[in-house]
Amino acid sequence: MKKKAIVFFSFISALNVSAQEVISTQGDSYANANGSIDFTIGETIINTETDGTTTLTQGFHQSNWNFVGLEDHSPELEASVFPNPMDKDLTIRVSHFENLSYSLYDGQGKLVSTDFLSGESTIIEVQDLAPGSYSITLQNKTEAMKTFKLIKTN
């Protein structure tokens, strides 16, 4: 009987380890002596409480975050990479493309593809990439300008 109980509780514990996942571009965590709060922008609201002056909205806390972000080495270069998460195509838009190239890396830092930008809007086909984390760096001849963290779905 004890053996069955140990197996049962081990199984239940294993189920509790797997959690939902969120892909977030904004959010943070704060803590002080009175408590802590974690939030993500776009989080589903399940409850709203108010005391007349303060409003608290509660949602689903996500314990496994994939933070999607940007390392901005050159603020004067206006650039956007979308959609993120990516599926079939990835679009790079820049304010000026002359002498700029991109390098796409997988989650382990292996170079997946590299090329020069072809215009103010460059489309890269990513449909054959495996789902996971990626990063793309925009660079000129001498330095990295921006690095975007990306997620590939499907």
Protein backbone atom coordinates (compact mmCIF):
# COMPACT_ATOMS: atom_id res chain seq x y z
CA MET A 1 0.00 0.00 0.00
CA LYS A 2 2.84 2.42 0.87
CA LYS A 3 4.46 1.72 -2.48
CA LYS A 4 1.26 2.65 -4.34
CA ALA A 5 0.87 5.83 -2.29
CA ILE A 6 4.46 6.89 -3.06
CA VAL A 7 3.96 6.25 -6.78
CA PHE A 8 0.65 8.15 -6.72
CA PHE A 9 2.11 11.21 -4.95
CA SER A 10 5.16 11.17 -7.22
CA PHE A 11 2.86 11.18 -10.25
CA ILE A 12 0.75 14.06 -8.85
CA SER A 13 3.94 16.03 -8.07
CA ALA A 14 5.20 15.54 -11.63
CA LEU A 15 1.91 16.90 -13.00
CA ASN A 16 2.25 20.05 -10.90
CA VAL A 17 5.74 20.77 -12.27
CA SER A 18 4.52 21.44 -15.82
CA ALA A 19 2.97 24.90 -16.04
CA GLN A 20 1.52 27.18 -18.64
CA GLU A 21 3.85 29.39 -20.63
CA VAL A 22 3.61 33.01 -21.73
CA ILE A 23 5.50 34.90 -24.42
CA SER A 24 5.77 38.44 -23.13
CA THR A 25 7.26 41.65 -24.43
CA GLN A 26 6.42 43.60 -21.27
CA GLY A 27 6.13 42.75 -17.59
CA ASP A 28 8.05 42.73 -14.34
CA SER A 29 8.24 41.47 -10.77
CA TYR A 30 8.32 43.60 -7.62
CA ALA A 31 8.79 42.56 -4.00
CA ASN A 32 9.14 44.23 -0.61
CA ALA A 33 8.65 43.23 3.03
CA ASN A 34 4.85 43.26 2.64
CA GLY A 35 4.57 41.00 -0.41
CA SER A 36 5.34 40.55 -4.07
CA ILE A 37 3.66 41.06 -7.42
CA ASP A 38 4.40 39.61 -10.86
CA PHE A 39 2.73 40.82 -14.03
CA THR A 40 2.79 40.60 -17.79
CA ILE A 41 1.14 42.98 -20.23
CA GLY A 42 -1.65 41.15 -22.00
CA GLU A 43 -2.24 38.76 -19.12
CA THR A 44 -5.78 37.38 -18.93
CA ILE A 45 -7.78 39.05 -16.13
CA ILE A 46 -9.85 36.66 -14.02
CA ASN A 47 -10.84 38.90 -11.11
CA THR A 48 -11.02 42.59 -10.26
CA GLU A 49 -11.16 43.91 -6.67
CA THR A 50 -11.44 47.50 -5.48
CA ASP A 51 -11.72 49.35 -2.17
CA GLY A 52 -12.83 52.60 -3.81
CA THR A 53 -9.34 54.06 -4.17
CA THR A 54 -7.19 51.14 -5.25
CA THR A 55 -8.06 48.60 -7.96
CA LEU A 56 -6.39 45.21 -8.23
CA THR A 57 -6.87 42.98 -11.23
CA GLN A 58 -5.78 39.37 -10.94
CA GLY A 59 -4.78 37.07 -13.76
CA PHE A 60 -2.96 33.85 -14.39
CA HIS A 61 0.61 33.97 -13.14
CA GLN A 62 2.96 32.36 -15.63
CA SER A 63 5.89 30.55 -14.04
CA ASN A 64 7.78 29.86 -17.30
CA TRP A 65 8.48 33.10 -19.17
CA ASN A 66 9.97 33.49 -22.61
CA PHE A 67 10.95 37.13 -22.60
CA VAL A 68 11.09 38.61 -26.05
CA GLY A 69 13.28 41.66 -26.18
CA LEU A 70 15.76 43.97 -27.82
CA GLU A 71 19.39 44.86 -27.23
CA ASP A 72 19.70 48.38 -28.61
CA HIS A 73 23.36 49.01 -29.43
CA SER A 74 22.58 51.91 -31.75
CA PRO A 75 19.52 54.00 -30.77
CA GLU A 76 19.79 56.18 -33.88
CA LEU A 77 18.86 53.21 -36.10
CA GLU A 78 15.09 52.78 -36.24
CA ALA A 79 14.34 49.10 -36.75
CA SER A 80 11.53 46.64 -36.15
CA VAL A 81 11.34 42.89 -36.61
CA PHE A 82 7.93 41.23 -36.79
CA PRO A 83 5.86 39.16 -36.27
CA ASN A 84 7.10 37.82 -32.98
CA PRO A 85 6.37 34.99 -32.39
CA MET A 86 7.24 34.19 -35.99
CA ASP A 87 5.68 31.45 -38.10
CA LYS A 88 6.35 31.52 -41.89
CA ASP A 89 7.99 34.86 -42.68
CA LEU A 90 9.95 37.38 -40.65
CA THR A 91 9.99 41.04 -41.74
CA ILE A 92 12.81 43.45 -40.92
CA ARG A 93 12.02 47.17 -41.33
CA VAL A 94 14.77 49.75 -40.96
CA SER A 95 15.04 53.50 -41.45
CA HIS A 96 18.08 53.02 -43.73
CA PHE A 97 19.36 49.70 -45.07
CA GLU A 98 22.59 50.62 -46.86
CA ASN A 99 25.55 48.51 -45.66
CA LEU A 100 23.38 46.66 -43.12
CA SER A 101 23.20 42.89 -42.80
CA TYR A 102 21.40 40.46 -40.51
CA SER A 103 22.53 37.29 -38.77
CA LEU A 104 19.92 34.85 -37.48
CA TYR A 105 21.00 32.56 -34.63
CA ASP A 106 19.21 29.63 -32.98
CA GLY A 107 18.77 29.34 -29.20
CA GLN A 108 22.21 27.76 -28.80
CA GLY A 109 23.99 30.56 -30.69
CA LYS A 110 24.50 28.64 -33.94
CA LEU A 111 24.34 30.82 -37.07
CA VAL A 112 21.24 29.85 -39.08
CA SER A 113 21.38 32.42 -41.87
CA THR A 114 22.98 35.73 -42.78
CA ASP A 115 22.55 38.20 -45.63
CA PHE A 116 22.45 41.89 -46.48
CA LEU A 117 19.21 43.83 -46.12
CA SER A 118 17.64 44.31 -49.54
CA GLY A 119 15.60 47.43 -48.77
CA GLU A 120 13.81 49.31 -46.02
CA SER A 121 11.67 46.18 -45.68
CA THR A 122 13.32 42.75 -45.96
CA ILE A 123 11.41 39.46 -45.66
CA ILE A 124 13.11 36.28 -44.46
CA GLU A 125 11.42 32.90 -44.89
CA VAL A 126 11.52 31.04 -41.57
CA GLN A 127 8.90 28.35 -42.16
CA ASP A 128 11.52 25.56 -42.26
CA LEU A 129 13.04 26.51 -38.88
CA ALA A 130 12.28 24.31 -35.87
CA PRO A 131 10.10 25.82 -33.13
CA GLY A 132 12.17 27.46 -30.39
CA SER A 133 14.13 30.55 -29.39
CA TYR A 134 16.14 32.58 -31.89
CA SER A 135 17.87 35.93 -32.09
CA ILE A 136 18.57 38.19 -35.00
CA THR A 137 21.32 40.80 -35.05
CA LEU A 138 21.40 43.78 -37.41
CA GLN A 139 24.92 44.97 -38.03
CA ASN A 140 26.94 47.30 -40.20
CA LYS A 141 30.49 46.51 -41.36
CA THR A 142 32.06 47.13 -37.94
CA GLU A 143 29.49 46.65 -35.15
CA ALA A 144 26.20 45.16 -34.03
CA MET A 145 23.41 47.73 -34.17
CA LYS A 146 20.43 45.86 -32.68
CA THR A 147 19.69 42.34 -31.48
CA PHE A 148 16.12 41.05 -31.27
CA LYS A 149 15.09 37.95 -29.31
CA LEU A 150 12.52 35.90 -31.22
CA ILE A 151 10.26 32.89 -30.75
CA LYS A 152 9.43 30.47 -33.59
CA THR A 153 6.12 28.64 -33.41
CA ASN A 154 4.90 25.66 -35.47
